[in-house]
PDB file of N, CA and C in Angstrom:
ATOM      1  N   UNK A   1      -0.802   9.703 -20.918  1.00  0.00           N
ATOM      2  CA  UNK A   1      -2.172  10.025 -20.648  1.00  0.00           C
ATOM      3  C   UNK A   1      -2.442  10.117 -19.164  1.00  0.00           C
ATOM      4  N   UNK A   2      -3.399  10.862 -18.777  1.00  0.00           N
ATOM      5  CA  UNK A   2      -3.764  11.017 -17.376  1.00  0.00           C
ATOM      6  C   UNK A   2      -4.347   9.738 -16.801  1.00  0.00           C
ATOM      7  N   UNK A   3      -5.081   9.003 -17.648  1.00  0.00           N
ATOM      8  CA  UNK A   3      -5.742   7.795 -17.201  1.00  0.00           C
ATOM      9  C   UNK A   3      -4.765   6.772 -16.617  1.00  0.00           C
ATOM     10  N   UNK A   4      -3.586   6.739 -17.204  1.00  0.00           N
ATOM     11  CA  UNK A   4      -2.559   5.784 -16.662  1.00  0.00           C
ATOM     12  C   UNK A   4      -2.090   6.152 -15.252  1.00  0.00           C
ATOM     13  N   UNK A   5      -2.290   7.387 -14.826  1.00  0.00           N
ATOM     14  CA  UNK A   5      -1.901   7.829 -13.488  1.00  0.00           C
ATOM     15  C   UNK A   5      -2.967   7.557 -12.436  1.00  0.00           C
ATOM     16  N   UNK A   6      -4.145   7.126 -12.885  1.00  0.00           N
ATOM     17  CA  UNK A   6      -5.228   6.840 -11.931  1.00  0.00           C
ATOM     18  C   UNK A   6      -4.990   5.469 -11.274  1.00  0.00           C
ATOM     19  N   UNK A   7      -5.464   5.302 -10.044  1.00  0.00           N
ATOM     20  CA  UNK A   7      -5.314   4.034  -9.350  1.00  0.00           C
ATOM     21  C   UNK A   7      -5.974   2.885 -10.147  1.00  0.00           C
ATOM     22  N   UNK A   8      -5.489   1.697  -9.989  1.00  0.00           N
ATOM     23  CA  UNK A   8      -5.974   0.537 -10.757  1.00  0.00           C
ATOM     24  C   UNK A   8      -7.457   0.311 -10.527  1.00  0.00           C
ATOM     25  N   UNK A   9      -7.933   0.539  -9.292  1.00  0.00           N
ATOM     26  CA  UNK A   9      -9.359   0.362  -8.953  1.00  0.00           C
ATOM     27  C   UNK A   9     -10.214   1.315  -9.760  1.00  0.00           C
ATOM     28  N   UNK A  10      -9.761   2.504  -9.916  1.00  0.00           N
ATOM     29  CA  UNK A  10     -10.504   3.525 -10.728  1.00  0.00           C
ATOM     30  C   UNK A  10     -10.476   3.140 -12.157  1.00  0.00           C
ATOM     31  N   UNK A  11      -9.355   2.716 -12.699  1.00  0.00           N
ATOM     32  CA  UNK A  11      -9.262   2.338 -14.097  1.00  0.00           C
ATOM     33  C   UNK A  11     -10.135   1.116 -14.398  1.00  0.00           C
ATOM     34  N   UNK A  12     -10.267   0.182 -13.400  1.00  0.00           N
ATOM     35  CA  UNK A  12     -11.115  -0.975 -13.581  1.00  0.00           C
ATOM     36  C   UNK A  12     -12.591  -0.590 -13.729  1.00  0.00           C
ATOM     37  N   UNK A  13     -13.000   0.515 -13.144  1.00  0.00           N
ATOM     38  CA  UNK A  13     -14.352   0.984 -13.275  1.00  0.00           C
ATOM     39  C   UNK A  13     -14.648   1.563 -14.621  1.00  0.00           C
ATOM     40  N   UNK A  14     -13.621   1.869 -15.381  1.00  0.00           N
ATOM     41  CA  UNK A  14     -13.812   2.422 -16.740  1.00  0.00           C
ATOM     42  C   UNK A  14     -13.975   3.907 -16.760  1.00  0.00           C
ATOM     43  N   UNK A  15     -13.365   4.630 -15.818  1.00  0.00           N
ATOM     44  CA  UNK A  15     -13.439   6.047 -15.785  1.00  0.00           C
ATOM     45  C   UNK A  15     -12.704   6.622 -16.990  1.00  0.00           C
ATOM     46  N   UNK A  16     -13.324   7.594 -17.694  1.00  0.00           N
ATOM     47  CA  UNK A  16     -12.722   8.206 -18.857  1.00  0.00           C
ATOM     48  C   UNK A  16     -12.386   9.666 -18.553  1.00  0.00           C
ATOM     49  N   UNK A  17     -11.214  10.091 -18.895  1.00  0.00           N
ATOM     50  CA  UNK A  17     -10.794  11.440 -18.707  1.00  0.00           C
ATOM     51  C   UNK A  17     -10.669  12.126 -20.067  1.00  0.00           C
ATOM     52  N   UNK A  18     -11.307  13.273 -20.244  1.00  0.00           N
ATOM     53  CA  UNK A  18     -11.249  14.001 -21.484  1.00  0.00           C
ATOM     54  C   UNK A  18     -10.869  15.439 -21.236  1.00  0.00           C
ATOM     55  N   UNK A  19     -10.066  15.976 -22.155  1.00  0.00           N
ATOM     56  CA  UNK A  19      -9.742  17.396 -22.136  1.00  0.00           C
ATOM     57  C   UNK A  19     -10.787  18.083 -22.953  1.00  0.00           C
ATOM     58  N   UNK A  20     -11.434  19.059 -22.418  1.00  0.00           N
ATOM     59  CA  UNK A  20     -12.521  19.757 -23.138  1.00  0.00           C
ATOM     60  C   UNK A  20     -12.259  21.259 -23.164  1.00  0.00           C
ATOM     61  N   UNK A  21     -12.841  21.870 -24.195  1.00  0.00           N
ATOM     62  CA  UNK A  21     -12.834  23.309 -24.318  1.00  0.00           C
ATOM     63  C   UNK A  21     -14.265  23.717 -24.403  1.00  0.00           C
ATOM     64  N   UNK A  22     -14.752  24.536 -23.530  1.00  0.00           N
ATOM     65  CA  UNK A  22     -16.142  24.940 -23.490  1.00  0.00           C
ATOM     66  C   UNK A  22     -16.566  26.009 -24.496  1.00  0.00           C
ATOM     67  N   UNK A  23     -15.674  26.387 -25.407  1.00  0.00           N
ATOM     68  CA  UNK A  23     -16.016  27.342 -26.434  1.00  0.00           C
ATOM     69  C   UNK A  23     -16.897  26.671 -27.472  1.00  0.00           C
ATOM     70  N   UNK A  24     -17.868  27.357 -27.933  1.00  0.00           N
ATOM     71  CA  UNK A  24     -18.782  26.845 -28.982  1.00  0.00           C
ATOM     72  C   UNK A  24     -18.022  26.982 -30.299  1.00  0.00           C
ATOM     73  N   UNK A  25     -17.714  25.827 -30.916  1.00  0.00           N
ATOM     74  CA  UNK A  25     -16.969  25.886 -32.173  1.00  0.00           C
ATOM     75  C   UNK A  25     -17.886  25.792 -33.399  1.00  0.00           C
ATOM     76  N   UNK A  26     -19.017  25.095 -33.241  1.00  0.00           N
ATOM     77  CA  UNK A  26     -19.873  24.889 -34.407  1.00  0.00           C
ATOM     78  C   UNK A  26     -21.305  24.613 -33.943  1.00  0.00           C
ATOM     79  N   UNK A  27     -22.237  25.055 -34.697  1.00  0.00           N
ATOM     80  CA  UNK A  27     -23.619  24.774 -34.467  1.00  0.00           C
ATOM     81  C   UNK A  27     -24.208  24.227 -35.767  1.00  0.00           C
ATOM     82  N   UNK A  28     -25.025  23.154 -35.661  1.00  0.00           N
ATOM     83  CA  UNK A  28     -25.587  22.559 -36.822  1.00  0.00           C
ATOM     84  C   UNK A  28     -27.103  22.473 -36.620  1.00  0.00           C
ATOM     85  N   UNK A  29     -27.861  22.807 -37.660  1.00  0.00           N
ATOM     86  CA  UNK A  29     -29.314  22.760 -37.529  1.00  0.00           C
ATOM     87  C   UNK A  29     -29.872  21.652 -38.414  1.00  0.00           C
ATOM     88  N   UNK A  30     -30.926  21.078 -37.922  1.00  0.00           N
ATOM     89  CA  UNK A  30     -31.611  20.024 -38.688  1.00  0.00           C
ATOM     90  C   UNK A  30     -33.061  20.464 -38.975  1.00  0.00           C
ATOM     91  N   UNK A  31     -33.455  20.327 -40.189  1.00  0.00           N
ATOM     92  CA  UNK A  31     -34.854  20.700 -40.514  1.00  0.00           C
ATOM     93  C   UNK A  31     -35.708  19.471 -40.270  1.00  0.00           C
ATOM     94  N   UNK A  32     -36.726  19.627 -39.422  1.00  0.00           N
ATOM     95  CA  UNK A  32     -37.570  18.502 -39.035  1.00  0.00           C
ATOM     96  C   UNK A  32     -38.479  18.072 -40.161  1.00  0.00           C
ATOM     97  N   UNK A  33     -38.733  18.938 -41.122  1.00  0.00           N
ATOM     98  CA  UNK A  33     -39.636  18.559 -42.215  1.00  0.00           C
ATOM     99  C   UNK A  33     -40.958  18.108 -41.665  1.00  0.00           C
ATOM    100  N   UNK A  34     -41.462  16.968 -42.115  1.00  0.00           N
ATOM    101  CA  UNK A  34     -42.768  16.513 -41.634  1.00  0.00           C
ATOM    102  C   UNK A  34     -42.737  15.885 -40.230  1.00  0.00           C
ATOM    103  N   UNK A  35     -41.541  15.751 -39.653  1.00  0.00           N
ATOM    104  CA  UNK A  35     -41.408  15.064 -38.377  1.00  0.00           C
ATOM    105  C   UNK A  35     -41.441  16.062 -37.208  1.00  0.00           C
ATOM    106  N   UNK A  36     -41.760  15.544 -36.033  1.00  0.00           N
ATOM    107  CA  UNK A  36     -41.805  16.379 -34.828  1.00  0.00           C
ATOM    108  C   UNK A  36     -40.392  16.652 -34.360  1.00  0.00           C
ATOM    109  N   UNK A  37     -40.254  17.732 -33.610  1.00  0.00           N
ATOM    110  CA  UNK A  37     -38.958  18.028 -32.988  1.00  0.00           C
ATOM    111  C   UNK A  37     -38.454  16.890 -32.117  1.00  0.00           C
ATOM    112  N   UNK A  38     -39.365  16.275 -31.424  1.00  0.00           N
ATOM    113  CA  UNK A  38     -39.015  15.146 -30.563  1.00  0.00           C
ATOM    114  C   UNK A  38     -38.464  13.971 -31.350  1.00  0.00           C
ATOM    115  N   UNK A  39     -39.036  13.668 -32.498  1.00  0.00           N
ATOM    116  CA  UNK A  39     -38.612  12.607 -33.370  1.00  0.00           C
ATOM    117  C   UNK A  39     -37.188  12.896 -33.878  1.00  0.00           C
ATOM    118  N   UNK A  40     -36.953  14.139 -34.323  1.00  0.00           N
ATOM    119  CA  UNK A  40     -35.611  14.482 -34.862  1.00  0.00           C
ATOM    120  C   UNK A  40     -34.560  14.479 -33.734  1.00  0.00           C
ATOM    121  N   UNK A  41     -34.940  14.935 -32.539  1.00  0.00           N
ATOM    122  CA  UNK A  41     -34.040  14.894 -31.407  1.00  0.00           C
ATOM    123  C   UNK A  41     -33.620  13.443 -31.121  1.00  0.00           C
ATOM    124  N   UNK A  42     -34.580  12.554 -31.062  1.00  0.00           N
ATOM    125  CA  UNK A  42     -34.326  11.146 -30.815  1.00  0.00           C
ATOM    126  C   UNK A  42     -33.438  10.565 -31.903  1.00  0.00           C
ATOM    127  N   UNK A  43     -33.724  10.885 -33.154  1.00  0.00           N
ATOM    128  CA  UNK A  43     -32.943  10.318 -34.279  1.00  0.00           C
ATOM    129  C   UNK A  43     -31.461  10.770 -34.151  1.00  0.00           C
ATOM    130  N   UNK A  44     -31.283  12.043 -33.885  1.00  0.00           N
ATOM    131  CA  UNK A  44     -29.898  12.570 -33.729  1.00  0.00           C
ATOM    132  C   UNK A  44     -29.215  11.896 -32.548  1.00  0.00           C
ATOM    133  N   UNK A  45     -29.935  11.697 -31.469  1.00  0.00           N
ATOM    134  CA  UNK A  45     -29.349  11.099 -30.263  1.00  0.00           C
ATOM    135  C   UNK A  45     -28.962   9.653 -30.548  1.00  0.00           C
ATOM    136  N   UNK A  46     -29.765   8.913 -31.324  1.00  0.00           N
ATOM    137  CA  UNK A  46     -29.505   7.507 -31.592  1.00  0.00           C
ATOM    138  C   UNK A  46     -28.500   7.248 -32.709  1.00  0.00           C
ATOM    139  N   UNK A  47     -28.540   8.056 -33.760  1.00  0.00           N
ATOM    140  CA  UNK A  47     -27.770   7.755 -34.964  1.00  0.00           C
ATOM    141  C   UNK A  47     -26.664   8.729 -35.339  1.00  0.00           C
ATOM    142  N   UNK A  48     -26.712   9.959 -34.838  1.00  0.00           N
ATOM    143  CA  UNK A  48     -25.735  10.958 -35.304  1.00  0.00           C
ATOM    144  C   UNK A  48     -24.730  11.290 -34.193  1.00  0.00           C
ATOM    145  N   UNK A  49     -25.193  11.445 -32.966  1.00  0.00           N
ATOM    146  CA  UNK A  49     -24.364  11.892 -31.842  1.00  0.00           C
ATOM    147  C   UNK A  49     -23.065  11.105 -31.713  1.00  0.00           C
ATOM    148  N   UNK A  50     -23.141   9.795 -31.614  1.00  0.00           N
ATOM    149  CA  UNK A  50     -21.913   8.971 -31.357  1.00  0.00           C
ATOM    150  C   UNK A  50     -20.954   9.073 -32.528  1.00  0.00           C
ATOM    151  N   UNK A  51     -21.493   9.134 -33.763  1.00  0.00           N
ATOM    152  CA  UNK A  51     -20.605   9.264 -34.939  1.00  0.00           C
ATOM    153  C   UNK A  51     -19.837  10.576 -34.930  1.00  0.00           C
ATOM    154  N   UNK A  52     -20.543  11.653 -34.547  1.00  0.00           N
ATOM    155  CA  UNK A  52     -19.865  12.961 -34.492  1.00  0.00           C
ATOM    156  C   UNK A  52     -18.820  12.981 -33.362  1.00  0.00           C
ATOM    157  N   UNK A  53     -19.091  12.293 -32.256  1.00  0.00           N
ATOM    158  CA  UNK A  53     -18.155  12.302 -31.134  1.00  0.00           C
ATOM    159  C   UNK A  53     -16.887  11.546 -31.465  1.00  0.00           C
ATOM    160  N   UNK A  54     -16.926  10.688 -32.460  1.00  0.00           N
ATOM    161  CA  UNK A  54     -15.716   9.932 -32.898  1.00  0.00           C
ATOM    162  C   UNK A  54     -14.794  10.775 -33.754  1.00  0.00           C
ATOM    163  N   UNK A  55     -15.269  11.922 -34.197  1.00  0.00           N
ATOM    164  CA  UNK A  55     -14.421  12.820 -35.026  1.00  0.00           C
ATOM    165  C   UNK A  55     -13.357  13.416 -34.135  1.00  0.00           C
ATOM    166  N   UNK A  56     -12.104  13.315 -34.566  1.00  0.00           N
ATOM    167  CA  UNK A  56     -10.994  13.883 -33.796  1.00  0.00           C
ATOM    168  C   UNK A  56     -11.217  15.374 -33.547  1.00  0.00           C
ATOM    169  N   UNK A  57     -11.083  15.752 -32.296  1.00  0.00           N
ATOM    170  CA  UNK A  57     -11.234  17.131 -31.901  1.00  0.00           C
ATOM    171  C   UNK A  57     -12.614  17.475 -31.370  1.00  0.00           C
ATOM    172  N   UNK A  58     -13.573  16.592 -31.550  1.00  0.00           N
ATOM    173  CA  UNK A  58     -14.899  16.825 -30.994  1.00  0.00           C
ATOM    174  C   UNK A  58     -14.932  16.266 -29.604  1.00  0.00           C
ATOM    175  N   UNK A  59     -15.271  17.083 -28.630  1.00  0.00           N
ATOM    176  CA  UNK A  59     -15.300  16.613 -27.231  1.00  0.00           C
ATOM    177  C   UNK A  59     -16.714  16.250 -26.761  1.00  0.00           C
ATOM    178  N   UNK A  60     -17.691  16.986 -27.234  1.00  0.00           N
ATOM    179  CA  UNK A  60     -19.059  16.702 -26.798  1.00  0.00           C
ATOM    180  C   UNK A  60     -20.060  17.252 -27.794  1.00  0.00           C
ATOM    181  N   UNK A  61     -21.212  16.662 -27.772  1.00  0.00           N
ATOM    182  CA  UNK A  61     -22.330  17.054 -28.625  1.00  0.00           C
ATOM    183  C   UNK A  61     -23.492  17.379 -27.694  1.00  0.00           C
ATOM    184  N   UNK A  62     -24.043  18.563 -27.872  1.00  0.00           N
ATOM    185  CA  UNK A  62     -25.211  18.967 -27.046  1.00  0.00           C
ATOM    186  C   UNK A  62     -26.393  19.152 -28.017  1.00  0.00           C
ATOM    187  N   UNK A  63     -27.492  18.480 -27.688  1.00  0.00           N
ATOM    188  CA  UNK A  63     -28.679  18.617 -28.565  1.00  0.00           C
ATOM    189  C   UNK A  63     -29.648  19.539 -27.865  1.00  0.00           C
ATOM    190  N   UNK A  64     -29.991  20.608 -28.555  1.00  0.00           N
ATOM    191  CA  UNK A  64     -30.958  21.589 -28.037  1.00  0.00           C
ATOM    192  C   UNK A  64     -32.316  21.344 -28.660  1.00  0.00           C
ATOM    193  N   UNK A  65     -33.351  21.631 -27.884  1.00  0.00           N
ATOM    194  CA  UNK A  65     -34.702  21.541 -28.431  1.00  0.00           C
ATOM    195  C   UNK A  65     -35.206  20.119 -28.488  1.00  0.00           C
ATOM    196  N   UNK A  66     -36.416  19.961 -28.997  1.00  0.00           N
ATOM    197  CA  UNK A  66     -37.009  18.672 -29.081  1.00  0.00           C
ATOM    198  C   UNK A  66     -37.472  18.146 -27.705  1.00  0.00           C
ATOM    199  N   UNK A  67     -36.908  17.071 -27.314  1.00  0.00           N
ATOM    200  CA  UNK A  67     -37.237  16.414 -26.066  1.00  0.00           C
ATOM    201  C   UNK A  67     -37.041  14.932 -26.219  1.00  0.00           C
ATOM    202  N   UNK A  68     -36.828  14.265 -25.141  1.00  0.00           N
ATOM    203  CA  UNK A  68     -36.587  12.816 -25.172  1.00  0.00           C
ATOM    204  C   UNK A  68     -37.906  12.068 -25.153  1.00  0.00           C
ATOM    205  N   UNK A  69     -37.862  10.928 -25.821  1.00  0.00           N
ATOM    206  CA  UNK A  69     -39.023  10.009 -25.682  1.00  0.00           C
ATOM    207  C   UNK A  69     -38.961   9.387 -24.320  1.00  0.00           C
ATOM    208  N   UNK A  70     -40.085   9.080 -23.774  1.00  0.00           N
ATOM    209  CA  UNK A  70     -40.104   8.387 -22.467  1.00  0.00           C
ATOM    210  C   UNK A  70     -41.253   7.373 -22.485  1.00  0.00           C
ATOM    211  N   UNK A  71     -41.183   6.490 -21.531  1.00  0.00           N
ATOM    212  CA  UNK A  71     -42.235   5.482 -21.442  1.00  0.00           C
ATOM    213  C   UNK A  71     -42.673   5.437 -19.992  1.00  0.00           C
ATOM    214  N   UNK A  72     -43.976   5.513 -19.784  1.00  0.00           N
ATOM    215  CA  UNK A  72     -44.482   5.477 -18.433  1.00  0.00           C
ATOM    216  C   UNK A  72     -45.101   4.101 -18.238  1.00  0.00           C
ATOM    217  N   UNK A  73     -44.626   3.403 -17.263  1.00  0.00           N
ATOM    218  CA  UNK A  73     -45.116   2.068 -16.975  1.00  0.00           C
ATOM    219  C   UNK A  73     -45.834   2.075 -15.633  1.00  0.00           C
ATOM    220  N   UNK A  74     -47.022   1.546 -15.619  1.00  0.00           N
ATOM    221  CA  UNK A  74     -47.755   1.405 -14.362  1.00  0.00           C
ATOM    222  C   UNK A  74     -48.364   0.031 -14.306  1.00  0.00           C
ATOM    223  N   UNK A  75     -48.788  -0.339 -13.132  1.00  0.00           N
ATOM    224  CA  UNK A  75     -49.373  -1.665 -12.997  1.00  0.00           C
ATOM    225  C   UNK A  75     -50.562  -1.585 -12.046  1.00  0.00           C
ATOM    226  N   UNK A  76     -51.467  -2.404 -12.343  1.00  0.00           N
ATOM    227  CA  UNK A  76     -52.635  -2.555 -11.478  1.00  0.00           C
ATOM    228  C   UNK A  76     -52.459  -3.952 -10.847  1.00  0.00           C
ATOM    229  N   UNK A  77     -52.282  -3.935  -9.525  1.00  0.00           N
ATOM    230  CA  UNK A  77     -51.946  -5.157  -8.802  1.00  0.00           C
ATOM    231  C   UNK A  77     -52.945  -6.266  -9.058  1.00  0.00           C
ATOM    232  N   UNK A  78     -54.212  -5.981  -9.101  1.00  0.00           N
ATOM    233  CA  UNK A  78     -55.227  -7.011  -9.277  1.00  0.00           C
ATOM    234  C   UNK A  78     -55.003  -7.729 -10.628  1.00  0.00           C
ATOM    235  N   UNK A  79     -54.746  -6.945 -11.700  1.00  0.00           N
ATOM    236  CA  UNK A  79     -54.553  -7.615 -12.981  1.00  0.00           C
ATOM    237  C   UNK A  79     -53.300  -8.424 -13.040  1.00  0.00           C
ATOM    238  N   UNK A  80     -52.219  -7.991 -12.350  1.00  0.00           N
ATOM    239  CA  UNK A  80     -50.982  -8.753 -12.283  1.00  0.00           C
ATOM    240  C   UNK A  80     -51.248 -10.050 -11.505  1.00  0.00           C
ATOM    241  N   UNK A  81     -51.984  -9.952 -10.394  1.00  0.00           N
ATOM    242  CA  UNK A  81     -52.299 -11.141  -9.604  1.00  0.00           C
ATOM    243  C   UNK A  81     -53.137 -12.074 -10.432  1.00  0.00           C
ATOM    244  N   UNK A  82     -54.108 -11.571 -11.120  1.00  0.00           N
ATOM    245  CA  UNK A  82     -54.954 -12.420 -11.954  1.00  0.00           C
ATOM    246  C   UNK A  82     -54.163 -13.149 -13.023  1.00  0.00           C
ATOM    247  N   UNK A  83     -53.225 -12.430 -13.638  1.00  0.00           N
ATOM    248  CA  UNK A  83     -52.402 -13.029 -14.701  1.00  0.00           C
ATOM    249  C   UNK A  83     -51.505 -14.103 -14.108  1.00  0.00           C
ATOM    250  N   UNK A  84     -50.954 -13.853 -12.937  1.00  0.00           N
ATOM    251  CA  UNK A  84     -50.117 -14.863 -12.251  1.00  0.00           C
ATOM    252  C   UNK A  84     -50.898 -16.067 -11.914  1.00  0.00           C
ATOM    253  N   UNK A  85     -52.127 -15.881 -11.430  1.00  0.00           N
ATOM    254  CA  UNK A  85     -53.012 -17.004 -11.085  1.00  0.00           C
ATOM    255  C   UNK A  85     -53.363 -17.827 -12.320  1.00  0.00           C
ATOM    256  N   UNK A  86     -53.668 -17.142 -13.446  1.00  0.00           N
ATOM    257  CA  UNK A  86     -53.948 -17.848 -14.703  1.00  0.00           C
ATOM    258  C   UNK A  86     -52.753 -18.680 -15.163  1.00  0.00           C
ATOM    259  N   UNK A  87     -51.536 -18.102 -15.030  1.00  0.00           N
ATOM    260  CA  UNK A  87     -50.307 -18.864 -15.418  1.00  0.00           C
ATOM    261  C   UNK A  87     -50.173 -20.094 -14.557  1.00  0.00           C
ATOM    262  N   UNK A  88     -50.379 -19.953 -13.233  1.00  0.00           N
ATOM    263  CA  UNK A  88     -50.260 -21.093 -12.315  1.00  0.00           C
ATOM    264  C   UNK A  88     -51.282 -22.171 -12.684  1.00  0.00           C
ATOM    265  N   UNK A  89     -52.513 -21.727 -12.923  1.00  0.00           N
ATOM    266  CA  UNK A  89     -53.571 -22.701 -13.207  1.00  0.00           C
ATOM    267  C   UNK A  89     -53.298 -23.408 -14.525  1.00  0.00           C
ATOM    268  N   UNK A  90     -52.807 -22.685 -15.522  1.00  0.00           N
ATOM    269  CA  UNK A  90     -52.630 -23.329 -16.827  1.00  0.00           C
ATOM    270  C   UNK A  90     -51.391 -24.233 -16.841  1.00  0.00           C
ATOM    271  N   UNK A  91     -50.446 -23.993 -15.904  1.00  0.00           N
ATOM    272  CA  UNK A  91     -49.260 -24.883 -15.819  1.00  0.00           C
ATOM    273  C   UNK A  91     -49.522 -26.077 -14.953  1.00  0.00           C
ATOM    274  N   UNK A  92     -50.692 -26.130 -14.294  1.00  0.00           N
ATOM    275  CA  UNK A  92     -51.026 -27.323 -13.485  1.00  0.00           C
ATOM    276  C   UNK A  92     -50.537 -27.247 -12.041  1.00  0.00           C
ATOM    277  N   UNK A  93     -50.134 -26.085 -11.580  1.00  0.00           N
ATOM    278  CA  UNK A  93     -49.673 -25.966 -10.198  1.00  0.00           C
ATOM    279  C   UNK A  93     -50.845 -25.777  -9.261  1.00  0.00           C
TER     280      UNK A  93
END
């Protein structure tokens, strides 16, 4: 294997070397049914992708369409400060 020829420091980082062929060998379609494209994309990414990549001869899985779920987190400093003050007061500090 090529990985055994890499320096020990590189191997310790967990670098993976794969031989790939960029030819499209197969395309699979999923019917979303009552679900959104985003939901189906997320389901395939979480539950199907890794299982298909374990099949001998499969080098990569590309998911087209849909979109990834994301989470937007924001904070209002005053409310965070107020919550911290309430915690301090309730703990007796």
